[in-house]
Amino acid sequence: MDALTNFMATFVGYAWGLPLIVLLIGGGLFLTVLSGLKPLVRVAHAIRILSGKYDKNQDPGQISHFQALSTALAATVGVGNIGGVAIAIQQGGAGAVFWMWLAAVVGMTTKFFSCTLSQLYRKPDELGVVQGGPMISIEVGLGTRWKPLAIMFATFGMIGCLPMFQTNQLASIMKTQLGVDPLWTSIAATVFVAIVAAGGIERIGRFTARLVPAMCVLYLGLSLLLISTQLGAVPDIFVRIFTEAFTGQAAAGGAAGIAFREVLKVGVKRAAFSNEAGLGTAPLAHGAAKTNEPVREGLVAMLGPFIDTIVVCTLTALVILLAAPAASEGLVGVSLTAAAFEAALGSWSGYLLVLVISMFAVTTMVSYSYYGRRCFAYLFGARRAGGYTYFYLAGLFLGGMWSSSLVINTIDSAFAMMAIPNMIVTLLLAPKVMVAAKDYFRRLEAGEFD
């Protein structure tokens, strides 16, 4: 196990090097400039789409716009927002939060383009069910000679979409707060997810549409309560975030003088882990939405990074930077966040956080099961997709038993390998998205959809 841990630590260092950072941030900035910010100023219209105003049951697809966003958010608004932000601050200091913000802003445009593509280039699988996603966009949009990239995405997607981090962090806080052995947490999570995920994307969509709003409200309320007790210190925290973005100081161990490049890498990596912009997972969910207007789904998807990173991750960062106790060395991920809540609000908040993390972890686990299944089906056929379930549940179980460093490095490495083909197809087919967007916005301004 030590050999595997060391190998993954080395591999993730190379995978998340400067070239990938440039691809994600530089690619997102290019798409933002190319779009002329037009998608970003259509937030009000995106919310109207989300409300169901334009939903039509006869449109091709399997789930509504709201269910598609809920499924994507269930995968992104989760343990990464609580444990992932804590890890970002521990590894890169307060300055890592700034780079998470920047990655989220350009990630909104990236998701608009990639999720519009997932609708533009859909095709039925061997069972006749319409599917979308980066591997479909590559094969249909770029042609079969690009199929190796599609295979690369789907192969690493099966690994990256294992909910190992979620089980790992859930097991961690259950042991810290309630004394539950990780084995029992792993077993319980595996059984529950198996039951929900067996119902396919329709059951997953219904499940996440009910639970995601509730868990977000509960966590936001708890975070705002803590922040309200220390409002006077909030301006200084924002000053730290902006200044340490270029001269970082890690929270854990008081390590000072972190190189700018390291702070940037940590912030972008944790933002990608949190909101998944550029990784290609969200297009798998948004590709299943019922619509004849691909641009609509891109606009809905664009809301994800804003909710996930700009709102939820920022609140977590403020909680940790305001209230994490000085004697927090040795605490990792969600355990550090829980310590911050307990230090400021008392032990009851730690128990409530257990409930929140359980909700976050389970919704992410359920959504990821669909993502990985779609990747497996692409490689081996829709009729054999059920075989992925055993691989998925095994990964889910092992996540609770492995060390947090091994789990994080394994998933981060797979995400890096998924981002490469997804960003390539998104950038190459961006002009196609712009043609569709200009046509849609022209019809919208003409009142065609009123």
Protein backbone atom coordinates (compact mmCIF):
# COMPACT_ATOMS: atom_id res chain seq x y z
CA MET A 1 0.00 0.00 0.00
CA ASP A 2 2.89 2.36 0.74
CA ALA A 3 4.25 1.79 -2.77
CA LEU A 4 0.88 2.66 -4.31
CA THR A 5 0.60 5.77 -2.13
CA ASN A 6 4.05 6.97 -3.19
CA PHE A 7 3.37 6.24 -6.86
CA MET A 8 0.09 8.19 -6.87
CA ALA A 9 1.72 11.11 -5.04
CA THR A 10 4.37 11.30 -7.76
CA PHE A 11 1.90 10.83 -10.62
CA VAL A 12 -0.50 13.54 -9.43
CA GLY A 13 2.42 15.98 -9.20
CA TYR A 14 3.15 15.53 -12.89
CA ALA A 15 -0.52 15.33 -13.96
CA TRP A 16 -1.39 18.65 -12.31
CA GLY A 17 1.61 20.49 -13.69
CA LEU A 18 1.63 23.89 -15.38
CA PRO A 19 0.41 22.59 -18.78
CA LEU A 20 -2.91 21.42 -17.32
CA ILE A 21 -3.34 24.65 -15.35
CA VAL A 22 -2.81 26.62 -18.57
CA LEU A 23 -5.28 24.37 -20.40
CA LEU A 24 -8.02 24.86 -17.78
CA ILE A 25 -7.54 28.54 -16.93
CA GLY A 26 -6.19 29.66 -20.31
CA GLY A 27 -8.83 27.65 -22.14
CA GLY A 28 -11.57 29.08 -19.94
CA LEU A 29 -10.32 32.63 -20.50
CA PHE A 30 -10.24 32.03 -24.27
CA LEU A 31 -13.84 30.79 -24.21
CA THR A 32 -14.88 33.76 -22.07
CA VAL A 33 -13.38 36.20 -24.58
CA LEU A 34 -14.81 34.26 -27.53
CA SER A 35 -18.29 34.41 -26.04
CA GLY A 36 -18.06 38.14 -25.39
CA LEU A 37 -19.51 37.43 -21.90
CA LYS A 38 -22.93 36.95 -23.52
CA PRO A 39 -23.77 33.73 -21.62
CA LEU A 40 -22.74 35.29 -18.28
CA VAL A 41 -25.18 38.19 -18.66
CA ARG A 42 -28.04 35.76 -19.32
CA VAL A 43 -28.24 34.53 -15.72
CA ALA A 44 -31.85 35.74 -15.31
CA HIS A 45 -32.88 33.80 -18.41
CA ALA A 46 -31.04 30.73 -17.10
CA ILE A 47 -33.06 30.92 -13.89
CA ARG A 48 -36.31 31.12 -15.90
CA ILE A 49 -35.25 28.00 -17.79
CA LEU A 50 -34.54 26.30 -14.48
CA SER A 51 -38.01 27.19 -13.21
CA GLY A 52 -39.52 24.90 -15.85
CA LYS A 53 -41.00 27.64 -18.03
CA TYR A 54 -39.71 26.04 -21.22
CA ASP A 55 -39.99 22.35 -20.26
CA LYS A 56 -41.77 20.09 -22.75
CA ASN A 57 -42.34 16.41 -22.02
CA GLN A 58 -42.10 15.52 -25.72
CA ASP A 59 -38.55 16.87 -26.05
CA PRO A 60 -35.81 14.24 -26.36
CA GLY A 61 -34.01 13.36 -23.14
CA GLN A 62 -34.72 11.73 -19.81
CA ILE A 63 -34.81 14.41 -17.10
CA SER A 64 -35.86 18.05 -16.71
CA HIS A 65 -33.51 21.06 -16.70
CA PHE A 66 -33.89 21.32 -12.92
CA GLN A 67 -33.20 17.64 -12.39
CA ALA A 68 -30.14 17.83 -14.65
CA LEU A 69 -28.71 20.76 -12.66
CA SER A 70 -29.62 19.04 -9.37
CA THR A 71 -27.83 15.89 -10.48
CA ALA A 72 -24.76 17.89 -11.56
CA LEU A 73 -24.85 19.94 -8.35
CA ALA A 74 -25.27 16.78 -6.28
CA ALA A 75 -21.93 15.70 -7.71
CA THR A 76 -20.26 19.09 -7.23
CA VAL A 77 -21.92 20.64 -4.16
CA GLY A 78 -20.70 18.04 -1.74
CA VAL A 79 -17.83 16.96 0.43
CA GLY A 80 -15.43 18.82 -1.88
CA ASN A 81 -17.01 22.07 -0.71
CA ILE A 82 -16.34 21.20 2.93
CA GLY A 83 -13.33 18.89 2.99
CA GLY A 84 -11.83 20.04 -0.33
CA VAL A 85 -11.72 23.70 0.66
CA ALA A 86 -10.09 22.77 3.97
CA ILE A 87 -7.42 20.82 2.08
CA ALA A 88 -6.91 23.76 -0.31
CA ILE A 89 -6.27 26.13 2.59
CA GLN A 90 -4.02 23.63 4.34
CA GLN A 91 -1.94 23.08 1.22
CA GLY A 92 -1.97 26.55 -0.32
CA GLY A 93 -3.02 28.99 2.39
CA ALA A 94 -5.79 31.57 2.14
CA GLY A 95 -4.50 32.62 -1.29
CA ALA A 96 -5.68 29.33 -2.79
CA VAL A 97 -9.25 30.60 -2.36
CA PHE A 98 -8.58 33.46 -4.79
CA TRP A 99 -7.52 31.01 -7.49
CA MET A 100 -10.59 28.90 -6.76
CA TRP A 101 -12.70 31.98 -7.47
CA LEU A 102 -10.91 32.72 -10.74
CA ALA A 103 -11.21 29.10 -11.82
CA ALA A 104 -14.94 29.21 -11.03
CA VAL A 105 -15.58 32.38 -13.06
CA VAL A 106 -13.90 31.03 -16.17
CA GLY A 107 -15.40 27.65 -15.33
CA MET A 108 -18.89 29.08 -15.79
CA THR A 109 -18.07 29.79 -19.43
CA THR A 110 -16.35 26.43 -19.82
CA LYS A 111 -19.46 24.65 -18.55
CA PHE A 112 -21.66 26.68 -20.88
CA PHE A 113 -19.64 25.51 -23.87
CA SER A 114 -19.10 21.89 -22.81
CA CYS A 115 -22.71 21.29 -21.73
CA THR A 116 -24.11 22.94 -24.86
CA LEU A 117 -21.91 20.55 -26.83
CA SER A 118 -23.31 17.61 -24.88
CA GLN A 119 -26.73 18.57 -26.28
CA LEU A 120 -25.57 19.50 -29.79
CA TYR A 121 -23.90 16.13 -30.29
CA ARG A 122 -26.18 13.55 -28.75
CA LYS A 123 -26.89 10.12 -30.13
CA PRO A 124 -28.96 7.10 -29.04
CA ASP A 125 -27.13 4.16 -27.50
CA GLU A 126 -27.77 0.56 -28.48
CA LEU A 127 -30.89 0.57 -26.29
CA GLY A 128 -32.27 3.63 -28.10
CA VAL A 129 -31.71 6.02 -25.16
CA VAL A 130 -30.36 9.43 -26.20
CA GLN A 131 -27.00 10.12 -24.55
CA GLY A 132 -24.57 13.02 -24.43
CA GLY A 133 -21.19 13.74 -22.89
CA PRO A 134 -17.58 14.50 -23.82
CA MET A 135 -16.94 11.09 -25.40
CA ILE A 136 -20.04 11.49 -27.61
CA SER A 137 -19.07 15.08 -28.49
CA ILE A 138 -15.60 13.86 -29.49
CA GLU A 139 -16.82 10.97 -31.61
CA VAL A 140 -19.75 12.72 -33.29
CA GLY A 141 -18.44 16.30 -33.35
CA LEU A 142 -14.80 15.68 -34.25
CA GLY A 143 -15.10 12.37 -36.08
CA THR A 144 -14.02 8.78 -35.48
CA ARG A 145 -10.31 9.51 -35.97
CA TRP A 146 -10.48 11.38 -32.66
CA LYS A 147 -12.00 8.38 -30.89
CA PRO A 148 -8.82 7.61 -28.87
CA LEU A 149 -9.53 10.84 -26.96
CA ALA A 150 -13.07 9.64 -26.28
CA ILE A 151 -11.74 6.32 -25.02
CA MET A 152 -9.23 8.17 -22.83
CA PHE A 153 -12.00 10.25 -21.25
CA ALA A 154 -14.28 7.27 -20.63
CA THR A 155 -11.48 5.11 -19.21
CA PHE A 156 -10.33 7.65 -16.67
CA GLY A 157 -13.95 8.69 -16.11
CA MET A 158 -14.69 5.27 -14.65
CA ILE A 159 -11.96 5.90 -12.06
CA GLY A 160 -12.48 9.62 -11.49
CA CYS A 161 -16.18 9.06 -10.89
CA LEU A 162 -15.58 6.61 -8.08
CA PRO A 163 -16.89 8.36 -4.94
CA MET A 164 -13.84 7.36 -2.90
CA PHE A 165 -13.21 10.85 -1.50
CA GLN A 166 -16.82 11.17 -0.36
CA THR A 167 -16.74 7.85 1.52
CA ASN A 168 -13.32 8.67 2.92
CA GLN A 169 -14.39 12.02 4.34
CA LEU A 170 -17.72 10.69 5.57
CA ALA A 171 -15.93 7.86 7.38
CA SER A 172 -13.48 10.39 8.81
CA ILE A 173 -16.07 12.66 10.38
CA MET A 174 -18.22 9.73 11.56
CA LYS A 175 -15.19 8.37 13.42
CA THR A 176 -14.11 11.78 14.76
CA GLN A 177 -17.54 12.95 15.90
CA LEU A 178 -19.41 9.73 16.70
CA GLY A 179 -16.71 7.10 17.10
CA VAL A 180 -18.10 4.94 14.26
CA ASP A 181 -15.62 2.51 12.77
CA PRO A 182 -14.87 3.35 9.09
CA LEU A 183 -15.81 -0.21 8.14
CA TRP A 184 -19.43 0.28 9.18
CA THR A 185 -19.65 3.68 7.45
CA SER A 186 -18.32 2.12 4.25
CA ILE A 187 -20.80 -0.76 4.40
CA ALA A 188 -23.80 1.49 5.10
CA ALA A 189 -22.91 3.95 2.31
CA THR A 190 -22.35 1.13 -0.17
CA VAL A 191 -25.73 -0.48 0.52
CA PHE A 192 -27.68 2.79 0.38
CA VAL A 193 -26.09 4.00 -2.84
CA ALA A 194 -26.63 0.61 -4.47
CA ILE A 195 -30.38 0.89 -3.82
CA VAL A 196 -30.77 4.44 -5.19
CA ALA A 197 -28.39 4.10 -8.13
CA ALA A 198 -30.11 0.92 -9.32
CA GLY A 199 -33.03 3.07 -10.50
CA GLY A 200 -30.97 4.84 -13.19
CA ILE A 201 -30.88 8.54 -14.04
CA GLU A 202 -34.64 9.02 -13.54
CA ARG A 203 -34.53 7.88 -9.91
CA ILE A 204 -31.26 9.73 -9.35
CA GLY A 205 -32.80 12.91 -10.79
CA ARG A 206 -35.83 12.67 -8.49
CA PHE A 207 -33.66 11.89 -5.46
CA THR A 208 -31.21 14.76 -6.00
CA ALA A 209 -33.94 17.28 -6.90
CA ARG A 210 -35.45 16.72 -3.44
CA LEU A 211 -32.29 16.56 -1.37
CA VAL A 212 -29.91 19.10 -2.97
CA PRO A 213 -31.94 22.25 -2.11
CA ALA A 214 -32.44 21.09 1.48
CA MET A 215 -28.80 20.27 2.11
CA CYS A 216 -27.64 23.57 0.58
CA VAL A 217 -30.01 25.62 2.75
CA LEU A 218 -28.98 23.72 5.90
CA TYR A 219 -25.25 24.17 5.29
CA LEU A 220 -25.57 27.81 4.22
CA GLY A 221 -27.60 28.56 7.35
CA LEU A 222 -25.01 26.94 9.64
CA SER A 223 -22.14 28.76 7.91
CA LEU A 224 -23.85 32.15 7.98
CA LEU A 225 -24.59 31.70 11.68
CA LEU A 226 -20.88 31.22 12.40
CA ILE A 227 -19.82 34.11 10.15
CA SER A 228 -22.37 36.42 11.82
CA THR A 229 -20.63 35.90 15.16
CA GLN A 230 -17.36 37.27 13.75
CA LEU A 231 -18.42 39.81 11.14
CA GLY A 232 -15.77 42.29 12.21
CA ALA A 233 -12.99 39.94 11.16
CA VAL A 234 -14.40 39.21 7.68
CA PRO A 235 -12.75 42.17 5.87
CA ASP A 236 -9.32 41.07 7.13
CA ILE A 237 -9.96 37.56 5.84
CA PHE A 238 -10.65 38.89 2.35
CA VAL A 239 -7.45 40.95 2.51
CA ARG A 240 -5.55 37.75 3.38
CA ILE A 241 -7.12 35.88 0.48
CA PHE A 242 -6.08 38.51 -2.06
CA THR A 243 -2.59 39.15 -0.68
CA GLU A 244 -1.69 35.50 -0.08
CA ALA A 245 -2.80 34.60 -3.60
CA PHE A 246 0.68 35.72 -4.62
CA THR A 247 2.58 35.24 -1.35
CA GLY A 248 0.97 32.18 0.24
CA GLN A 249 1.20 30.80 3.75
CA ALA A 250 -0.33 27.41 4.43
CA ALA A 251 -2.64 27.00 7.39
CA ALA A 252 -1.34 23.60 8.40
CA GLY A 253 1.93 23.64 10.27
CA GLY A 254 2.47 27.35 9.63
CA ALA A 255 4.50 26.69 6.49
CA ALA A 256 5.46 30.05 5.02
CA GLY A 257 6.83 31.22 1.71
CA ILE A 258 4.82 28.90 -0.54
CA ALA A 259 5.71 29.52 -4.16
CA PHE A 260 3.13 31.40 -6.22
CA ARG A 261 3.01 28.48 -8.65
CA GLU A 262 2.09 26.07 -5.84
CA VAL A 263 -0.70 28.30 -4.51
CA LEU A 264 -2.07 28.67 -8.04
CA LYS A 265 -1.91 24.91 -8.66
CA VAL A 266 -3.64 24.07 -5.38
CA GLY A 267 -6.42 26.60 -5.96
CA VAL A 268 -7.16 25.50 -9.52
CA LYS A 269 -6.95 21.80 -8.64
CA ARG A 270 -9.31 22.10 -5.69
CA ALA A 271 -11.71 24.31 -7.70
CA ALA A 272 -11.77 21.68 -10.44
CA PHE A 273 -12.41 19.00 -7.83
CA SER A 274 -15.20 21.08 -6.32
CA ASN A 275 -17.13 22.41 -9.33
CA GLU A 276 -15.74 20.03 -12.00
CA ALA A 277 -15.65 22.78 -14.65
CA GLY A 278 -13.43 21.53 -17.44
CA LEU A 279 -13.37 17.93 -16.24
CA GLY A 280 -16.33 16.79 -18.35
CA THR A 281 -18.53 15.15 -15.74
CA ALA A 282 -21.38 17.70 -15.76
CA PRO A 283 -22.01 17.25 -19.53
CA LEU A 284 -22.89 13.62 -18.77
CA ALA A 285 -25.84 14.80 -16.66
CA HIS A 286 -26.82 17.79 -18.78
CA GLY A 287 -26.67 15.64 -21.91
CA ALA A 288 -29.65 13.70 -20.53
CA ALA A 289 -31.88 16.80 -20.15
CA LYS A 290 -35.12 17.07 -22.11
CA THR A 291 -34.73 19.91 -24.60
CA ASN A 292 -34.55 20.75 -28.30
CA GLU A 293 -32.50 23.87 -27.53
CA PRO A 294 -28.88 22.91 -26.66
CA VAL A 295 -27.98 26.46 -25.61
CA ARG A 296 -30.61 26.38 -22.87
CA GLU A 297 -28.89 23.50 -21.14
CA GLY A 298 -25.55 25.29 -21.43
CA LEU A 299 -27.04 28.31 -19.67
CA VAL A 300 -28.47 26.14 -16.89
CA ALA A 301 -25.15 24.33 -16.45
CA MET A 302 -23.36 27.68 -16.18
CA LEU A 303 -25.05 28.28 -12.82
CA GLY A 304 -23.26 25.28 -11.28
CA PRO A 305 -19.77 26.76 -10.67
CA PHE A 306 -21.28 29.95 -9.27
CA ILE A 307 -23.43 28.11 -6.72
CA ASP A 308 -20.73 25.59 -5.94
CA THR A 309 -17.56 27.66 -5.67
CA ILE A 310 -18.44 31.35 -5.46
CA VAL A 311 -21.16 30.74 -2.84
CA VAL A 312 -20.66 27.45 -0.98
CA CYS A 313 -16.86 27.19 -1.11
CA THR A 314 -16.45 30.82 -0.08
CA LEU A 315 -18.59 30.25 3.00
CA THR A 316 -16.51 27.20 3.94
CA ALA A 317 -13.29 29.18 3.47
CA LEU A 318 -14.59 31.97 5.72
CA VAL A 319 -15.61 29.42 8.36
CA ILE A 320 -12.14 27.87 8.42
CA LEU A 321 -10.17 31.11 8.22
CA LEU A 322 -12.33 32.74 10.91
CA ALA A 323 -12.67 29.91 13.38
CA ALA A 324 -10.23 27.04 12.82
CA PRO A 325 -8.45 26.52 16.15
CA ALA A 326 -4.72 27.12 16.31
CA ALA A 327 -4.14 23.56 17.49
CA SER A 328 -5.53 22.03 14.29
CA GLU A 329 -2.39 20.30 13.07
CA GLY A 330 -3.18 16.70 12.16
CA LEU A 331 -6.78 17.45 11.21
CA VAL A 332 -7.47 16.89 7.52
CA GLY A 333 -10.39 17.92 5.30
CA VAL A 334 -13.81 17.76 6.93
CA SER A 335 -12.28 17.21 10.37
CA LEU A 336 -10.70 20.67 10.18
CA THR A 337 -14.00 22.22 9.09
CA ALA A 338 -15.81 20.48 11.94
CA ALA A 339 -13.22 21.76 14.40
CA ALA A 340 -13.83 25.31 13.16
CA PHE A 341 -17.58 25.02 13.68
CA GLU A 342 -17.19 23.53 17.14
CA ALA A 343 -14.67 26.18 18.19
CA ALA A 344 -17.07 28.97 17.26
CA LEU A 345 -20.54 27.52 17.90
CA GLY A 346 -20.09 24.61 20.28
CA SER A 347 -20.15 20.83 20.00
CA TRP A 348 -23.75 20.73 18.71
CA SER A 349 -22.64 22.25 15.39
CA GLY A 350 -20.20 19.38 14.87
CA TYR A 351 -23.03 16.88 15.12
CA LEU A 352 -25.17 18.91 12.73
CA LEU A 353 -22.24 18.99 10.31
CA VAL A 354 -22.23 15.18 10.40
CA LEU A 355 -25.80 15.27 9.04
CA VAL A 356 -24.87 17.83 6.37
CA ILE A 357 -21.82 15.89 5.22
CA SER A 358 -23.83 12.67 5.15
CA MET A 359 -26.34 14.35 2.81
CA PHE A 360 -23.60 15.87 0.68
CA ALA A 361 -21.65 12.64 0.45
CA VAL A 362 -24.64 10.47 -0.44
CA THR A 363 -25.93 12.76 -3.20
CA THR A 364 -22.46 12.92 -4.74
CA MET A 365 -22.07 9.15 -4.54
CA VAL A 366 -25.41 8.65 -6.27
CA SER A 367 -24.70 11.13 -9.07
CA TYR A 368 -21.23 9.75 -9.68
CA SER A 369 -22.71 6.29 -10.15
CA TYR A 370 -24.52 7.60 -13.24
CA TYR A 371 -21.40 9.30 -14.59
CA GLY A 372 -19.22 6.22 -14.27
CA ARG A 373 -21.92 4.00 -15.70
CA ARG A 374 -22.15 6.15 -18.81
CA CYS A 375 -18.38 5.94 -19.31
CA PHE A 376 -18.50 2.16 -18.89
CA ALA A 377 -21.42 1.89 -21.32
CA TYR A 378 -19.51 3.88 -23.93
CA LEU A 379 -16.56 1.51 -23.73
CA PHE A 380 -18.35 -1.81 -23.37
CA GLY A 381 -21.92 -1.21 -24.56
CA ALA A 382 -25.13 -0.10 -22.84
CA ARG A 383 -26.30 -3.69 -22.38
CA ARG A 384 -23.26 -4.39 -20.20
CA ALA A 385 -23.42 -1.14 -18.22
CA GLY A 386 -24.66 -2.99 -15.14
CA GLY A 387 -21.20 -4.50 -14.79
CA TYR A 388 -19.82 -1.13 -13.71
CA THR A 389 -21.96 -1.28 -10.57
CA TYR A 390 -19.67 -3.86 -8.95
CA PHE A 391 -16.54 -1.85 -9.76
CA TYR A 392 -18.22 1.32 -8.49
CA LEU A 393 -19.43 -0.15 -5.23
CA ALA A 394 -16.02 -1.70 -4.58
CA GLY A 395 -14.37 1.70 -5.08
CA LEU A 396 -16.96 3.33 -2.83
CA PHE A 397 -16.21 0.81 -0.07
CA LEU A 398 -12.42 1.06 -0.40
CA GLY A 399 -12.59 4.84 -0.20
CA GLY A 400 -13.64 4.58 3.43
CA MET A 401 -10.75 2.25 4.24
CA TRP A 402 -7.82 3.89 2.39
CA SER A 403 -5.81 6.86 3.64
CA SER A 404 -7.07 10.29 2.63
CA SER A 405 -3.84 11.09 0.76
CA LEU A 406 -4.06 7.96 -1.41
CA VAL A 407 -7.74 8.62 -2.19
CA ILE A 408 -7.20 12.30 -3.04
CA ASN A 409 -4.20 11.63 -5.28
CA THR A 410 -5.96 8.79 -7.11
CA ILE A 411 -9.06 10.86 -7.91
CA ASP A 412 -7.07 14.00 -8.72
CA SER A 413 -4.93 12.01 -11.19
CA ALA A 414 -7.98 10.60 -12.96
CA PHE A 415 -9.59 14.05 -13.12
CA ALA A 416 -6.46 15.45 -14.77
CA MET A 417 -6.61 12.74 -17.45
CA MET A 418 -10.33 13.46 -18.02
CA ALA A 419 -9.78 17.22 -18.33
CA ILE A 420 -7.35 16.88 -21.24
CA PRO A 421 -9.76 15.32 -23.80
CA ASN A 422 -12.71 17.35 -22.51
CA MET A 423 -10.95 20.69 -22.88
CA ILE A 424 -9.58 19.72 -26.30
CA VAL A 425 -13.03 18.92 -27.72
CA THR A 426 -14.57 21.99 -26.04
CA LEU A 427 -11.98 24.33 -27.53
CA LEU A 428 -12.04 22.76 -31.01
CA LEU A 429 -15.85 22.79 -31.24
CA ALA A 430 -16.31 26.18 -29.54
CA PRO A 431 -17.15 27.87 -32.90
CA LYS A 432 -20.08 25.46 -33.30
CA VAL A 433 -21.39 26.51 -29.90
CA MET A 434 -21.07 30.18 -30.85
CA VAL A 435 -23.14 29.64 -34.00
CA ALA A 436 -25.88 27.97 -31.93
CA ALA A 437 -25.66 30.64 -29.21
CA LYS A 438 -25.95 33.57 -31.62
CA ASP A 439 -28.98 31.97 -33.25
CA TYR A 440 -30.63 31.26 -29.89
CA PHE A 441 -30.01 34.73 -28.45
CA ARG A 442 -31.31 36.31 -31.68
CA ARG A 443 -34.56 34.35 -31.38
CA LEU A 444 -34.76 35.12 -27.66
CA GLU A 445 -34.45 38.88 -28.27
CA ALA A 446 -37.05 38.62 -31.02
CA GLY A 447 -39.52 37.26 -28.47
CA GLU A 448 -39.84 33.88 -30.15
CA PHE A 449 -39.95 32.01 -26.82
CA ASP A 450 -42.44 34.31 -25.02
